[in-house]
Amino acid sequence: MEDLKDLVIIGSGPAGHTAAIYAARANLKPFMFEGYVAGGSAGGQLTTTTDVENYPGFPDGIQGPELMQLFRKQAERFGTEMVGEDIVEVGFSKRPFVIKSE
């Protein structure tokens, strides 16, 4: 895919989704490469975590995959475009930066 994007986020864990939400609310039109983990699920390590008991707002805890679904839903609500591809190469030596995916 050859396309110029305002903002590219590599990774779909909690940090990636947080960046997407903030960027989208600032009208930057974020584009997220989700990547994959074992089992073919995007979302970072949190998708393989069972009980998340140290995240504010969930006094009884929450399952990792359920929390990731909430992150994703919120990022999508603000217009984050997501693609399930892995990044194979990144070039920062010139502008615009070059990102190659599978």
Protein backbone atom coordinates (compact mmCIF):
# COMPACT_ATOMS: atom_id res chain seq x y z
CA MET A 1 0.00 0.00 0.00
CA GLU A 2 1.45 3.36 -0.99
CA ASP A 3 -0.40 6.04 0.85
CA LEU A 4 0.43 9.15 2.84
CA LYS A 5 -1.04 9.20 6.37
CA ASP A 6 -1.20 11.98 8.96
CA LEU A 7 -0.26 9.67 11.81
CA VAL A 8 0.70 5.99 11.82
CA ILE A 9 0.57 3.92 14.99
CA ILE A 10 2.43 0.62 15.03
CA GLY A 11 0.87 -1.78 17.52
CA SER A 12 -2.58 -2.24 18.96
CA GLY A 13 -1.95 -2.67 22.65
CA PRO A 14 -3.16 -0.24 25.31
CA ALA A 15 -0.53 2.39 24.42
CA GLY A 16 -1.37 2.23 20.72
CA HIS A 17 -5.08 2.61 21.36
CA THR A 18 -4.52 5.47 23.80
CA ALA A 19 -2.38 7.26 21.21
CA ALA A 20 -5.08 6.68 18.59
CA ILE A 21 -7.83 8.09 20.80
CA TYR A 22 -5.86 11.23 21.67
CA ALA A 23 -4.76 11.75 18.07
CA ALA A 24 -8.25 11.23 16.66
CA ARG A 25 -9.70 13.72 19.12
CA ALA A 26 -7.09 16.20 17.83
CA ASN A 27 -8.31 15.56 14.24
CA LEU A 28 -5.09 13.81 13.14
CA LYS A 29 -6.83 10.82 11.46
CA PRO A 30 -4.71 8.03 12.99
CA PHE A 31 -3.94 4.88 11.04
CA MET A 32 -3.08 1.83 13.15
CA PHE A 33 -1.16 -1.27 12.10
CA GLU A 34 -2.58 -3.81 14.52
CA GLY A 35 -0.12 -6.65 13.98
CA TYR A 36 -0.77 -10.10 15.41
CA VAL A 37 0.13 -12.14 18.46
CA ALA A 38 -0.08 -15.88 19.04
CA GLY A 39 -3.49 -17.15 18.01
CA GLY A 40 -4.02 -14.46 15.39
CA SER A 41 -5.43 -11.80 17.71
CA ALA A 42 -4.48 -8.15 17.54
CA GLY A 43 -4.26 -6.14 20.73
CA GLY A 44 -0.91 -6.81 22.30
CA GLN A 45 -0.13 -8.87 25.37
CA LEU A 46 -3.34 -7.79 27.09
CA THR A 47 -5.33 -10.13 24.82
CA THR A 48 -3.65 -13.12 26.48
CA THR A 49 -4.07 -11.81 30.03
CA THR A 50 -6.88 -13.30 32.05
CA ASP A 51 -7.57 -11.23 35.16
CA VAL A 52 -6.64 -7.54 35.03
CA GLU A 53 -7.08 -6.35 38.60
CA ASN A 54 -4.90 -3.23 38.65
CA TYR A 55 -6.71 -1.08 36.07
CA PRO A 56 -8.76 1.83 37.48
CA GLY A 57 -12.51 1.79 37.00
CA PHE A 58 -12.99 -1.95 37.34
CA PRO A 59 -13.12 -2.68 41.10
CA ASP A 60 -13.87 -6.37 40.47
CA GLY A 61 -11.27 -6.67 37.71
CA ILE A 62 -11.81 -7.31 34.01
CA GLN A 63 -10.62 -9.89 31.49
CA GLY A 64 -7.79 -8.69 29.22
CA PRO A 65 -9.57 -9.42 25.92
CA GLU A 66 -12.71 -7.65 27.16
CA LEU A 67 -10.69 -4.56 28.10
CA MET A 68 -9.01 -4.59 24.67
CA GLN A 69 -12.42 -4.71 22.99
CA LEU A 70 -13.42 -1.59 24.92
CA PHE A 71 -10.19 0.18 23.89
CA ARG A 72 -10.76 -0.76 20.25
CA LYS A 73 -14.41 0.34 20.30
CA GLN A 74 -13.43 3.74 21.68
CA ALA A 75 -10.62 4.22 19.13
CA GLU A 76 -13.00 3.27 16.30
CA ARG A 77 -15.64 5.66 17.63
CA PHE A 78 -13.25 8.55 17.07
CA GLY A 79 -12.37 7.39 13.56
CA THR A 80 -9.15 5.42 13.89
CA GLU A 81 -8.51 3.39 10.75
CA MET A 82 -7.09 -0.05 11.58
CA VAL A 83 -5.43 -2.67 9.42
CA GLY A 84 -4.37 -6.14 10.56
CA GLU A 85 -0.89 -6.21 9.05
CA ASP A 86 2.57 -6.67 10.51
CA ILE A 87 5.29 -4.10 9.87
CA VAL A 88 8.40 -5.51 8.20
CA GLU A 89 10.46 -2.35 7.71
CA VAL A 90 10.53 1.26 8.90
CA GLY A 91 12.67 4.00 7.38
CA PHE A 92 13.15 7.24 9.31
CA SER A 93 16.11 8.59 7.28
CA LYS A 94 13.99 10.92 5.14
CA ARG A 95 10.56 12.50 5.11
CA PRO A 96 7.98 11.30 4.68
CA PHE A 97 8.89 8.25 6.74
CA VAL A 98 8.51 4.92 4.97
CA ILE A 99 6.69 2.01 6.58
CA LYS A 100 6.44 -1.35 4.83
CA SER A 101 3.92 -3.98 5.87
CA GLU A 102 3.26 -7.59 4.93
